[in-house]
Amino acid sequence: MAYEIIMPKAGIDMTEGQVVKWLKKEGDPVKEGEIILEIMTDKTSMEIEAEASGILLKIVHPDGDTVPVTEVIGYIGSENESVDTLMPEVIEDTGEKESEEDKRMIRLEDNYNVVVIGGGPAGYVAAIKAAQLGARVAIVEKGEFGGTCLNVGCIPTKAYLKNAEIIEHIREASTRGILIDSSQIKVDMEKVQEYKNGVVKKLTSGVVALLKSNGVDIYQGVGKINKNKDVVVNDSQIIKADKIILAGGSKASRINIPGIESDKVLTSDDLLAIKEVPETLAVIGGGVIGTEMGQSFAGLGSKVIIIEMMDRIVPPLDHEVSAELTRIVKKKGMTIITSARITEIVDKGDKLEIKIDGKDSVIADKALISIGRVPDLEGMGEVKFETERGKIKVDKYMETSVKGIYAPGDVNGIKMLAHVAFRMGEVAAENAVKGNHRSIKLLSAPSVVYTSPEVAMVGLTEEEARAKYDDIRIGRFNFAANGRALASSEAHGFVKVIADNRYGEVLGVHIIGPSAAEIITQASLIMEMEITVDEVIKTIYGHPTYSEALFEAFADILDEAVHIPKKKK
């Protein structure tokens, strides 16, 4: 297959270049990496290397030609390849008038260096980063800025979880000598909604302010890519740009269960807008979202039943961590049914009956369908991308199979987390503006479950480590032996560290306990900097802190933990 040689865009302001001299003739063999021509821009001269090996089949623009950036100037291919099939088709003027649809399109010709579709974590970060690098940038968003995380995910769920945490502390206050006259706790859902919406509004308006302060032009509407690789907004505006960043995010996934169309079956988006706390809530799916939302509403007063198809909740977690989380949430009053296949949901008027194969039915007032999220591919429009199981495939530079179009964040499905989307957006923007040179690294990207207690992990689980490495060691420390945790009535959970026994390389860190979401960043830094176990325990940790549990777990790998009873040989 022939490879196009294009006039490169060597800088944001470059619009054209001059072919100074071809160093090869048509028919000459070329090797990948070999210099084949010289070009001149308004600032400097450049040597252009062949990006493929083969035969120089055709020189489209000879010495002396001035050519717009990204235009084809030659072709490299196999010896027997026909040149005729490579040249762009010439379209004759048939005299047909422009269609009414084309007429109503507002064309913003050659307006932007980068246009971003989607204003979620990947999109708005990409837009700001590209603007910081000197690009003229536009962003298109069909809803509220901030995406799933800010509007109906990370942020609002944390507001609910905090409410549940406050209620739990009130109920446990008497054990600490704090006596409250009335033991009755009431929840005003209108106030809960008002507070949650206020937090979300403050953050979404903050994102818009950040975009504007960086000079990013904002278009409100549905953005799609047309066959000419332009972005069409609301079928009425065409935005042209050198590069496109498609960051459409994700949407709630649904499964085909008879009866799932009942209005009592809610998505996480629906549940966050509910005005009354359901007496009984069935959560279909015990993943991160289901477990977090389930615990939120359990704290607000619902009787919560989690129904999970797999043999444990939050299956990606280390087995020990998942087992400990299950034990704790059950102790808090939640019911968990695992290895459960739902066969039907029956709306009985005031209740739902959820039928489970081989198990008793679950009766609930409402059900939360929480089986994860899937990429939102609406922005793909008319362009055919290489996809895999509904996810846009990207390379290490975040570039899709279509040159010049990047797809960071949930649309590529690699790791659907907001903080990963931030980094992907940065990488996509930098490569779109400066050329592909920065790759994505996810080794040190943590995952967090904001339950009570929090759960966090980075790297390999014990099962994954044993499958990949011949000799590993495990270090562990329980928060029950941590002074800060005991003083705070949070002495539950543990820290688990997995390391390669030969070199002391840290392979994974798993935490269930207080401030796990904060402590895990220390572990991420340790792994990113390739710090060994021996080097970690030379660090002095503050006392009393929750982080000391991390230190002790590292020390336990070397049998040097002071605050763990001596192990029997």
Protein backbone atom coordinates (compact mmCIF):
# COMPACT_ATOMS: atom_id res chain seq x y z
CA MET A 1 0.00 0.00 0.00
CA ALA A 2 1.40 3.40 -1.01
CA TYR A 3 2.52 5.93 1.58
CA GLU A 4 1.79 9.63 1.12
CA ILE A 5 4.62 12.14 1.52
CA ILE A 6 3.01 15.35 2.76
CA MET A 7 4.18 18.89 3.29
CA PRO A 8 4.66 18.88 7.08
CA LYS A 9 3.22 21.50 9.39
CA ALA A 10 6.38 22.43 11.28
CA GLY A 11 4.77 25.04 13.51
CA ILE A 12 1.44 26.57 14.50
CA ASP A 13 1.88 29.55 12.18
CA MET A 14 3.13 27.58 9.17
CA THR A 15 0.61 27.48 6.33
CA GLU A 16 2.84 26.49 3.38
CA GLY A 17 6.34 25.35 2.50
CA GLN A 18 8.57 25.36 -0.56
CA VAL A 19 10.11 22.23 -2.07
CA VAL A 20 13.79 23.20 -2.33
CA LYS A 21 15.27 19.98 -3.70
CA TRP A 22 14.32 16.36 -4.14
CA LEU A 23 17.30 14.15 -3.27
CA LYS A 24 15.70 11.14 -5.02
CA LYS A 25 14.24 10.68 -8.48
CA GLU A 26 11.06 8.85 -9.42
CA GLY A 27 11.84 5.11 -9.45
CA ASP A 28 14.67 5.36 -6.92
CA PRO A 29 14.58 3.02 -3.92
CA VAL A 30 14.26 4.70 -0.50
CA LYS A 31 14.65 3.42 3.04
CA GLU A 32 12.67 4.44 6.09
CA GLY A 33 14.53 7.23 7.88
CA GLU A 34 16.52 8.23 4.77
CA ILE A 35 16.50 11.95 3.86
CA ILE A 36 14.63 12.31 0.55
CA LEU A 37 14.06 16.08 0.11
CA GLU A 38 14.66 19.53 1.52
CA ILE A 39 11.93 22.11 2.15
CA MET A 40 11.96 25.75 3.18
CA THR A 41 9.48 27.44 5.54
CA ASP A 42 9.27 31.14 6.36
CA LYS A 43 11.58 30.50 9.31
CA THR A 44 14.00 27.71 8.46
CA SER A 45 15.02 24.96 6.06
CA MET A 46 14.26 21.33 6.90
CA GLU A 47 15.30 17.88 5.74
CA ILE A 48 12.42 15.43 5.32
CA GLU A 49 12.93 11.74 6.05
CA ALA A 50 11.08 8.88 4.39
CA GLU A 51 8.56 7.38 6.78
CA ALA A 52 8.41 4.10 4.85
CA SER A 53 10.68 1.95 2.70
CA GLY A 54 9.96 1.26 -0.98
CA ILE A 55 10.18 3.02 -4.34
CA LEU A 56 9.66 6.76 -4.91
CA LEU A 57 6.70 6.23 -7.22
CA LYS A 58 5.65 9.79 -7.93
CA ILE A 59 6.82 13.35 -7.29
CA VAL A 60 3.64 15.43 -7.29
CA HIS A 61 5.35 18.77 -6.61
CA PRO A 62 8.84 19.27 -8.13
CA ASP A 63 11.65 21.55 -6.94
CA GLY A 64 10.56 25.15 -6.50
CA ASP A 65 6.86 24.48 -5.87
CA THR A 66 5.21 26.21 -2.93
CA VAL A 67 2.73 23.83 -1.33
CA PRO A 68 0.10 24.23 1.46
CA VAL A 69 0.80 22.24 4.62
CA THR A 70 -0.57 18.65 4.79
CA GLU A 71 -0.88 18.50 0.97
CA VAL A 72 0.55 15.42 -0.75
CA ILE A 73 3.87 16.11 -2.50
CA GLY A 74 4.85 12.57 -3.42
CA TYR A 75 4.25 8.83 -3.00
CA ILE A 76 6.33 5.89 -1.82
CA GLY A 77 5.12 2.39 -2.67
CA SER A 78 6.01 -1.01 -4.03
CA GLU A 79 7.79 -1.40 -7.37
CA ASN A 80 4.79 -2.71 -9.28
CA GLU A 81 2.24 -0.36 -7.81
CA SER A 82 0.27 1.77 -10.27
CA VAL A 83 0.69 5.53 -9.92
CA ASP A 84 -2.70 6.22 -11.49
CA THR A 85 -4.59 4.76 -8.52
CA LEU A 86 -2.72 7.06 -6.16
CA MET A 87 -3.58 10.44 -7.66
CA PRO A 88 -6.65 12.23 -6.26
CA GLU A 89 -9.77 11.95 -8.38
CA VAL A 90 -10.57 15.00 -10.47
CA ILE A 91 -14.20 15.96 -10.07
CA GLU A 92 -15.71 17.67 -13.08
CA ASP A 93 -18.02 20.63 -12.70
CA THR A 94 -21.42 19.23 -13.61
CA GLY A 95 -23.15 22.57 -13.30
CA GLU A 96 -25.22 21.35 -10.37
CA LYS A 97 -26.16 24.01 -7.87
CA GLU A 98 -25.15 23.81 -4.23
CA SER A 99 -27.76 21.93 -2.21
CA GLU A 100 -30.01 23.77 0.22
CA GLU A 101 -28.33 21.87 3.11
CA ASP A 102 -24.90 23.05 1.98
CA LYS A 103 -26.16 26.61 1.56
CA ARG A 104 -27.36 26.87 5.14
CA MET A 105 -24.03 25.69 6.52
CA ILE A 106 -21.95 28.50 7.99
CA ARG A 107 -18.33 27.85 7.04
CA LEU A 108 -15.54 29.02 9.29
CA GLU A 109 -12.75 28.42 6.77
CA ASP A 110 -9.22 27.70 8.05
CA ASN A 111 -10.17 29.14 11.39
CA TYR A 112 -8.46 26.94 13.97
CA ASN A 113 -5.33 24.93 14.58
CA VAL A 114 -7.18 22.50 16.86
CA VAL A 115 -10.87 21.82 17.41
CA VAL A 116 -11.96 19.66 20.34
CA ILE A 117 -15.24 17.74 20.45
CA GLY A 118 -16.35 17.21 24.04
CA GLY A 119 -15.90 19.32 27.17
CA GLY A 120 -15.27 16.56 29.70
CA PRO A 121 -11.97 15.91 31.53
CA ALA A 122 -10.06 14.87 28.38
CA GLY A 123 -11.65 17.54 26.18
CA TYR A 124 -11.37 20.69 28.26
CA VAL A 125 -7.85 19.82 29.42
CA ALA A 126 -6.80 19.16 25.80
CA ALA A 127 -8.28 22.50 24.70
CA ILE A 128 -6.50 24.46 27.44
CA LYS A 129 -3.20 22.63 26.87
CA ALA A 130 -3.31 23.27 23.11
CA ALA A 131 -4.05 26.96 23.74
CA GLN A 132 -1.14 27.17 26.20
CA LEU A 133 1.11 25.82 23.44
CA GLY A 134 0.08 28.68 21.15
CA ALA A 135 -2.65 27.06 19.08
CA ARG A 136 -5.91 28.75 18.15
CA VAL A 137 -8.47 26.39 19.64
CA ALA A 138 -12.23 25.80 19.54
CA ILE A 139 -14.19 23.40 21.73
CA VAL A 140 -17.66 21.96 21.07
CA GLU A 141 -19.83 20.64 23.92
CA LYS A 142 -23.39 19.34 23.65
CA GLY A 143 -24.26 19.58 27.34
CA GLU A 144 -22.60 20.94 30.46
CA PHE A 145 -18.84 21.31 30.62
CA GLY A 146 -17.01 18.92 32.91
CA GLY A 147 -18.41 15.72 31.42
CA THR A 148 -19.71 12.70 33.28
CA CYS A 149 -17.28 13.07 36.18
CA LEU A 150 -18.21 16.59 37.13
CA ASN A 151 -21.94 16.53 36.34
CA VAL A 152 -23.22 13.02 37.10
CA GLY A 153 -20.22 11.05 38.33
CA CYS A 154 -17.20 11.72 40.52
CA ILE A 155 -18.24 15.04 42.05
CA PRO A 156 -21.99 14.66 42.81
CA THR A 157 -21.49 11.12 44.12
CA LYS A 158 -18.82 12.40 46.50
CA ALA A 159 -21.29 14.98 47.81
CA TYR A 160 -23.75 12.14 48.53
CA LEU A 161 -21.04 9.95 50.06
CA LYS A 162 -20.02 12.77 52.38
CA ASN A 163 -23.62 13.00 53.59
CA ALA A 164 -23.60 9.27 54.33
CA GLU A 165 -20.27 9.67 56.15
CA ILE A 166 -21.64 12.52 58.31
CA ILE A 167 -24.69 10.43 59.25
CA GLU A 168 -22.44 7.50 60.17
CA HIS A 169 -20.29 9.73 62.38
CA ILE A 170 -23.39 11.08 64.14
CA ARG A 171 -24.60 7.56 64.86
CA GLU A 172 -21.21 6.56 66.25
CA ALA A 173 -20.67 9.77 68.22
CA SER A 174 -21.86 8.25 71.51
CA THR A 175 -19.00 5.74 71.48
CA ARG A 176 -16.65 8.74 71.67
CA GLY A 177 -18.56 10.36 74.53
CA ILE A 178 -20.52 12.78 72.37
CA LEU A 179 -24.20 12.51 73.30
CA ILE A 180 -26.87 13.89 70.97
CA ASP A 181 -30.32 14.51 72.47
CA SER A 182 -32.28 13.17 69.51
CA SER A 183 -31.25 9.96 67.82
CA GLN A 184 -33.63 10.62 64.90
CA ILE A 185 -31.89 11.70 61.69
CA LYS A 186 -33.96 13.12 58.84
CA VAL A 187 -32.76 13.72 55.28
CA ASP A 188 -34.13 16.66 53.30
CA MET A 189 -33.52 15.53 49.72
CA GLU A 190 -34.33 18.97 48.32
CA LYS A 191 -31.50 20.42 50.41
CA VAL A 192 -29.25 17.51 49.43
CA GLN A 193 -29.99 18.22 45.77
CA GLU A 194 -29.50 21.95 46.24
CA TYR A 195 -26.08 21.48 47.82
CA LYS A 196 -24.97 18.92 45.21
CA ASN A 197 -26.15 21.11 42.34
CA GLY A 198 -24.36 24.11 43.83
CA VAL A 199 -21.06 22.24 43.94
CA VAL A 200 -21.51 21.04 40.35
CA LYS A 201 -22.48 24.52 39.10
CA LYS A 202 -19.45 26.11 40.74
CA LEU A 203 -17.12 23.63 39.08
CA THR A 204 -18.75 23.68 35.61
CA SER A 205 -18.69 27.48 35.53
CA GLY A 206 -15.07 27.26 36.64
CA VAL A 207 -14.23 25.09 33.64
CA VAL A 208 -15.88 27.58 31.27
CA ALA A 209 -13.94 30.44 32.90
CA LEU A 210 -10.67 28.53 32.46
CA LEU A 211 -11.39 27.92 28.77
CA LYS A 212 -12.23 31.56 28.16
CA SER A 213 -9.18 32.80 30.06
CA ASN A 214 -7.00 30.72 27.73
CA GLY A 215 -8.66 32.15 24.63
CA VAL A 216 -10.54 28.98 23.65
CA ASP A 217 -13.64 29.64 21.52
CA ILE A 218 -16.71 27.79 22.81
CA TYR A 219 -19.43 26.30 20.61
CA GLN A 220 -22.52 24.85 22.29
CA GLY A 221 -24.06 21.94 20.44
CA VAL A 222 -23.51 18.47 19.01
CA GLY A 223 -20.21 18.23 17.18
CA LYS A 224 -19.64 15.58 14.52
CA ILE A 225 -16.84 14.98 12.02
CA ASN A 226 -17.90 15.00 8.36
CA LYS A 227 -16.30 13.13 5.45
CA ASN A 228 -13.98 16.09 4.77
CA LYS A 229 -12.62 15.88 8.32
CA ASP A 230 -14.31 19.12 9.35
CA VAL A 231 -16.38 19.48 12.52
CA VAL A 232 -20.07 20.16 12.00
CA VAL A 233 -21.94 21.74 14.93
CA ASN A 234 -25.70 21.15 15.18
CA ASP A 235 -25.78 20.40 11.44
CA SER A 236 -25.50 24.14 10.78
CA GLN A 237 -21.87 25.22 11.22
CA ILE A 238 -18.68 23.82 9.75
CA ILE A 239 -15.49 24.41 11.69
CA LYS A 240 -12.23 23.76 9.87
CA ALA A 241 -9.05 22.97 11.77
CA ASP A 242 -5.64 21.44 11.18
CA LYS A 243 -6.20 18.78 13.86
CA ILE A 244 -9.24 17.34 15.65
CA ILE A 245 -9.38 15.96 19.17
CA LEU A 246 -12.42 13.73 19.62
CA ALA A 247 -13.15 13.50 23.36
CA GLY A 248 -16.80 12.50 23.42
CA GLY A 249 -16.58 10.73 26.79
CA SER A 250 -18.98 7.96 27.76
CA LYS A 251 -22.63 7.21 28.48
CA ALA A 252 -24.43 4.81 30.81
CA SER A 253 -24.50 1.23 29.57
CA ARG A 254 -27.72 -0.75 29.43
CA ILE A 255 -28.41 -4.46 29.08
CA ASN A 256 -31.28 -6.32 27.48
CA ILE A 257 -33.25 -7.71 30.44
CA PRO A 258 -37.02 -8.17 30.06
CA GLY A 259 -38.72 -5.39 32.02
CA ILE A 260 -35.71 -3.10 32.22
CA GLU A 261 -37.66 -0.33 30.48
CA SER A 262 -39.69 0.28 33.66
CA ASP A 263 -39.53 3.86 34.91
CA LYS A 264 -38.56 2.45 38.32
CA VAL A 265 -35.27 1.23 36.83
CA LEU A 266 -32.88 4.18 36.97
CA THR A 267 -29.46 5.02 35.61
CA SER A 268 -26.90 6.67 37.90
CA ASP A 269 -27.84 9.97 36.20
CA ASP A 270 -31.51 9.43 37.16
CA LEU A 271 -30.71 8.41 40.74
CA LEU A 272 -28.68 11.56 41.35
CA ALA A 273 -31.77 13.62 40.47
CA ILE A 274 -34.22 11.65 42.62
CA LYS A 275 -36.34 13.71 45.04
CA GLU A 276 -37.12 11.00 47.59
CA VAL A 277 -34.94 8.36 49.21
CA PRO A 278 -36.36 4.95 48.18
CA GLU A 279 -37.17 2.65 51.09
CA THR A 280 -35.54 -0.24 49.23
CA LEU A 281 -32.99 0.14 46.44
CA ALA A 282 -31.72 -2.75 44.32
CA VAL A 283 -28.39 -2.05 42.66
CA ILE A 284 -27.87 -4.10 39.51
CA GLY A 285 -24.11 -4.31 39.16
CA GLY A 286 -21.60 -4.29 42.00
CA GLY A 287 -18.82 -2.40 40.25
CA VAL A 288 -17.35 0.91 41.32
CA ILE A 289 -20.43 3.04 40.51
CA GLY A 290 -22.91 0.56 41.95
CA THR A 291 -21.01 0.08 45.21
CA GLU A 292 -20.46 3.82 45.71
CA MET A 293 -24.05 4.75 44.92
CA GLY A 294 -25.37 1.84 46.97
CA GLN A 295 -23.44 2.94 50.03
CA SER A 296 -24.51 6.57 49.47
CA PHE A 297 -28.20 5.66 49.61
CA ALA A 298 -27.70 3.16 52.41
CA GLY A 299 -26.30 6.06 54.42
CA LEU A 300 -29.30 8.22 53.50
CA GLY A 301 -31.66 5.53 54.79
CA SER A 302 -32.38 3.08 51.96
CA LYS A 303 -32.21 -0.67 52.43
CA VAL A 304 -29.71 -1.53 49.68
CA ILE A 305 -29.29 -4.88 47.90
CA ILE A 306 -26.39 -5.17 45.45
CA ILE A 307 -26.84 -7.82 42.75
CA GLU A 308 -23.57 -8.73 41.03
CA MET A 309 -23.11 -11.21 38.17
CA MET A 310 -19.48 -12.00 39.11
CA ASP A 311 -18.40 -13.88 42.25
CA ARG A 312 -17.45 -10.67 44.13
CA ILE A 313 -18.09 -6.94 44.12
CA VAL A 314 -15.72 -4.58 42.27
CA PRO A 315 -14.06 -7.54 40.46
CA PRO A 316 -10.93 -5.62 39.27
CA LEU A 317 -9.80 -5.21 42.89
CA ASP A 318 -7.28 -7.51 44.54
CA HIS A 319 -9.20 -10.51 45.94
CA GLU A 320 -8.27 -9.74 49.56
CA VAL A 321 -9.37 -6.12 49.22
CA SER A 322 -12.68 -7.07 47.60
CA ALA A 323 -13.34 -9.59 50.39
CA GLU A 324 -12.58 -6.97 53.08
CA LEU A 325 -14.83 -4.40 51.39
CA THR A 326 -17.63 -6.97 51.22
CA ARG A 327 -17.25 -7.76 54.92
CA ILE A 328 -17.36 -4.09 55.91
CA VAL A 329 -20.35 -3.03 53.78
CA LYS A 330 -22.33 -6.06 54.96
CA LYS A 331 -21.58 -5.03 58.53
CA LYS A 332 -23.00 -1.60 57.67
CA GLY A 333 -26.30 -3.27 56.72
CA MET A 334 -26.07 -3.69 52.95
CA THR A 335 -27.02 -6.99 51.31
CA ILE A 336 -24.77 -8.42 48.58
CA ILE A 337 -25.83 -11.17 46.19
CA THR A 338 -23.03 -12.43 43.93
CA SER A 339 -22.90 -14.93 41.03
CA ALA A 340 -26.38 -13.68 40.19
CA ARG A 341 -27.93 -13.72 36.70
CA ILE A 342 -31.06 -11.58 36.44
CA THR A 343 -33.69 -13.16 34.19
CA GLU A 344 -36.51 -10.60 34.40
CA ILE A 345 -37.65 -7.39 36.08
CA VAL A 346 -41.37 -7.24 36.81
CA ASP A 347 -43.07 -3.91 37.57
CA LYS A 348 -45.77 -4.70 40.13
CA GLY A 349 -47.12 -1.16 40.38
CA ASP A 350 -45.68 0.02 43.68
CA LYS A 351 -42.71 -2.37 43.69
CA LEU A 352 -40.26 -4.10 41.40
CA GLU A 353 -39.62 -7.83 41.45
CA ILE A 354 -36.13 -8.71 40.22
CA LYS A 355 -35.97 -12.39 39.30
CA ILE A 356 -32.59 -14.12 39.65
CA ASP A 357 -31.75 -17.49 38.13
CA GLY A 358 -31.57 -20.12 40.90
CA LYS A 359 -32.02 -17.58 43.71
CA ASP A 360 -34.86 -15.83 45.52
CA SER A 361 -36.31 -12.75 43.85
CA VAL A 362 -35.43 -9.29 45.16
CA ILE A 363 -38.32 -6.90 45.90
CA ALA A 364 -37.45 -3.18 45.74
CA ASP A 365 -39.02 0.25 45.30
CA LYS A 366 -36.39 1.33 42.78
CA ALA A 367 -33.51 -0.30 40.93
CA LEU A 368 -30.26 1.27 39.84
CA ILE A 369 -28.86 -0.15 36.62
CA SER A 370 -25.12 0.16 37.14
CA ILE A 371 -23.22 -2.09 34.77
CA GLY A 372 -20.62 0.49 33.77
CA ARG A 373 -20.31 3.01 30.98
CA VAL A 374 -19.57 2.72 27.27
CA PRO A 375 -17.82 5.18 24.90
CA ASP A 376 -20.05 7.88 23.40
CA LEU A 377 -19.18 7.72 19.70
CA GLU A 378 -21.68 10.28 18.41
CA GLY A 379 -18.86 12.65 17.43
CA MET A 380 -17.41 10.16 14.94
CA GLY A 381 -19.97 11.34 12.41
CA GLU A 382 -19.11 10.25 8.86
CA VAL A 383 -15.50 9.22 9.50
CA LYS A 384 -14.65 5.51 9.64
CA PHE A 385 -12.27 4.89 12.53
CA GLU A 386 -10.69 1.60 13.45
CA THR A 387 -12.62 0.41 16.51
CA GLU A 388 -12.58 -2.58 18.81
CA ARG A 389 -15.69 -3.65 20.76
CA GLY A 390 -17.20 -0.19 20.47
CA LYS A 391 -14.04 1.68 21.45
CA ILE A 392 -11.94 3.90 19.19
CA LYS A 393 -8.45 2.43 18.79
CA VAL A 394 -5.57 4.83 19.40
CA ASP A 395 -1.78 4.52 19.40
CA LYS A 396 0.56 5.59 22.20
CA TYR A 397 0.27 9.20 20.97
CA MET A 398 -3.54 9.12 21.33
CA GLU A 399 -3.88 9.34 17.52
CA THR A 400 -6.61 7.32 15.83
CA SER A 401 -6.36 5.32 12.61
CA VAL A 402 -7.33 8.55 10.82
CA LYS A 403 -4.26 10.78 10.65
CA GLY A 404 -4.68 14.11 12.39
CA ILE A 405 -7.56 13.00 14.62
CA TYR A 406 -6.85 12.15 18.27
CA ALA A 407 -9.19 10.40 20.72
CA PRO A 408 -8.28 10.76 24.41
CA GLY A 409 -10.44 9.79 27.38
CA ASP A 410 -13.37 7.40 27.68
CA VAL A 411 -13.96 7.14 23.92
CA ASN A 412 -10.89 4.90 23.61
CA GLY A 413 -11.92 2.75 26.58
CA ILE A 414 -8.33 2.12 27.72
CA LYS A 415 -8.87 3.21 31.32
CA MET A 416 -12.11 5.07 31.92
CA LEU A 417 -11.06 7.32 34.79
CA ALA A 418 -11.20 11.12 34.93
CA HIS A 419 -7.60 11.56 36.06
CA VAL A 420 -6.39 9.29 33.25
CA ALA A 421 -8.50 11.34 30.82
CA PHE A 422 -6.74 14.50 32.05
CA ARG A 423 -3.35 13.05 31.12
CA MET A 424 -4.60 11.63 27.81
CA GLY A 425 -5.99 15.05 26.93
CA GLU A 426 -2.63 16.68 27.65
CA VAL A 427 -0.78 14.13 25.53
CA ALA A 428 -3.24 14.41 22.62
CA ALA A 429 -3.04 18.22 22.64
CA GLU A 430 0.75 18.32 22.75
CA ASN A 431 1.03 15.85 19.88
CA ALA A 432 -1.67 17.61 17.84
CA VAL A 433 0.16 20.93 18.15
CA LYS A 434 3.82 19.90 18.10
CA GLY A 435 3.76 16.58 16.23
CA ASN A 436 3.72 13.09 17.69
CA HIS A 437 6.50 12.93 20.26
CA ARG A 438 4.89 12.37 23.67
CA SER A 439 3.45 8.96 24.52
CA ILE A 440 1.02 7.97 27.25
CA LYS A 441 2.25 6.05 30.30
CA LEU A 442 -0.31 4.49 32.61
CA LEU A 443 1.83 2.36 34.93
CA SER A 444 1.41 4.76 37.82
CA ALA A 445 -2.26 5.61 37.22
CA PRO A 446 -4.24 4.74 40.37
CA SER A 447 -7.83 3.58 40.69
CA VAL A 448 -10.05 4.64 43.58
CA VAL A 449 -13.39 3.47 44.98
CA TYR A 450 -14.89 6.16 47.23
CA THR A 451 -16.71 3.85 49.61
CA SER A 452 -16.42 4.04 53.40
CA PRO A 453 -13.69 3.00 53.93
CA GLU A 454 -12.05 4.14 50.71
CA VAL A 455 -10.33 1.67 48.42
CA ALA A 456 -7.38 2.52 46.16
CA MET A 457 -4.92 0.58 44.05
CA VAL A 458 -2.07 1.04 41.62
CA GLY A 459 -0.15 -1.55 39.62
CA LEU A 460 -0.72 -5.30 39.66
CA THR A 461 -2.97 -7.33 41.94
CA GLU A 462 -1.43 -10.30 43.74
CA GLU A 463 -3.02 -12.68 41.22
CA GLU A 464 -1.60 -10.73 38.26
CA ALA A 465 1.84 -10.45 39.89
CA ARG A 466 2.06 -14.20 40.58
CA ALA A 467 1.14 -14.94 36.96
CA LYS A 468 3.84 -12.58 35.64
CA TYR A 469 6.73 -12.95 38.12
CA ASP A 470 8.46 -16.05 39.48
CA ASP A 471 9.28 -14.66 42.93
CA ILE A 472 7.24 -12.00 44.71
CA ARG A 473 6.87 -10.89 48.31
CA ILE A 474 3.86 -9.40 50.06
CA GLY A 475 3.95 -6.74 52.77
CA ARG A 476 0.87 -5.93 54.80
CA PHE A 477 -0.13 -3.63 57.63
CA ASN A 478 -3.53 -3.30 59.29
CA PHE A 479 -4.98 0.10 60.18
CA ALA A 480 -6.00 -1.49 63.50
CA ALA A 481 -2.34 -0.94 64.55
CA ASN A 482 -2.19 2.65 63.26
CA GLY A 483 -2.37 5.30 65.98
CA ARG A 484 -4.09 7.96 63.85
CA ALA A 485 -6.72 5.47 62.66
CA LEU A 486 -7.45 4.29 66.20
CA ALA A 487 -7.77 7.84 67.51
CA SER A 488 -10.15 8.67 64.65
CA SER A 489 -12.39 5.58 65.04
CA GLU A 490 -11.29 4.43 61.57
CA ALA A 491 -9.22 1.39 62.46
CA HIS A 492 -10.45 -0.86 59.67
CA GLY A 493 -8.78 -2.14 56.51
CA PHE A 494 -5.15 -2.56 55.56
CA VAL A 495 -2.33 -1.67 53.18
CA LYS A 496 -0.92 -4.40 50.94
CA VAL A 497 2.30 -4.01 48.94
CA ILE A 498 3.47 -6.44 46.25
CA ALA A 499 7.13 -6.42 45.19
CA ASP A 500 9.53 -8.42 43.06
CA ASN A 501 11.70 -10.29 45.57
CA ARG A 502 14.81 -10.23 43.39
CA TYR A 503 15.17 -6.53 42.69
CA GLY A 504 12.82 -4.92 45.19
CA GLU A 505 10.73 -3.41 42.38
CA VAL A 506 7.27 -2.31 43.53
CA LEU A 507 4.65 -4.13 41.45
CA GLY A 508 1.43 -3.05 43.12
CA VAL A 509 -0.05 -1.28 46.14
CA HIS A 510 -3.57 -1.88 47.46
CA ILE A 511 -5.25 0.08 50.25
CA ILE A 512 -8.60 -0.24 51.97
CA GLY A 513 -8.94 2.17 54.85
CA PRO A 514 -9.01 5.84 55.85
CA SER A 515 -7.65 8.36 53.31
CA ALA A 516 -6.79 5.57 50.86
CA ALA A 517 -7.51 7.91 47.93
CA GLU A 518 -4.89 10.36 49.20
CA ILE A 519 -2.26 7.81 50.29
CA ILE A 520 -2.31 5.98 46.94
CA THR A 521 -0.69 8.97 45.22
CA GLN A 522 2.44 8.31 47.29
CA ALA A 523 2.47 4.77 45.92
CA SER A 524 1.95 6.06 42.37
CA LEU A 525 4.95 8.36 42.76
CA ILE A 526 7.07 5.50 44.12
CA MET A 527 6.21 3.34 41.10
CA GLU A 528 6.64 6.17 38.56
CA MET A 529 10.08 7.04 39.98
CA GLU A 530 10.99 3.32 40.15
CA ILE A 531 11.89 3.62 43.84
CA THR A 532 12.70 0.24 45.41
CA VAL A 533 11.39 -1.17 48.67
CA ASP A 534 14.77 -0.60 50.34
CA GLU A 535 14.70 3.07 49.32
CA VAL A 536 11.14 3.62 50.57
CA ILE A 537 11.90 2.49 54.12
CA LYS A 538 14.77 4.99 54.34
CA THR A 539 12.15 7.75 54.21
CA ILE A 540 10.94 9.28 57.50
CA TYR A 541 7.15 9.44 57.68
CA GLY A 542 5.27 11.85 59.93
CA HIS A 543 3.62 10.55 63.10
CA PRO A 544 0.81 10.03 63.78
CA THR A 545 -0.45 9.75 60.18
CA TYR A 546 -2.47 7.28 58.15
CA SER A 547 0.48 7.19 55.72
CA GLU A 548 2.58 5.34 58.30
CA ALA A 549 0.55 2.25 57.39
CA LEU A 550 2.05 2.45 53.90
CA PHE A 551 5.57 2.68 55.33
CA GLU A 552 4.96 -0.29 57.63
CA ALA A 553 3.64 -2.42 54.76
CA PHE A 554 6.82 -1.70 52.79
CA ALA A 555 8.93 -2.56 55.84
CA ASP A 556 6.98 -5.81 56.25
CA ILE A 557 8.22 -6.98 52.85
CA LEU A 558 11.74 -7.04 54.31
CA ASP A 559 10.55 -8.36 57.69
CA GLU A 560 11.59 -5.04 59.21
CA ALA A 561 8.22 -3.67 60.32
CA VAL A 562 8.47 -2.56 63.97
CA HIS A 563 4.75 -2.30 64.74
CA ILE A 564 3.82 -5.82 63.60
CA PRO A 565 4.22 -8.82 65.92
CA LYS A 566 7.25 -10.90 64.99
CA LYS A 567 6.33 -13.58 62.46
CA LYS A 568 6.89 -17.21 63.38
CA LYS A 569 9.49 -18.87 61.16
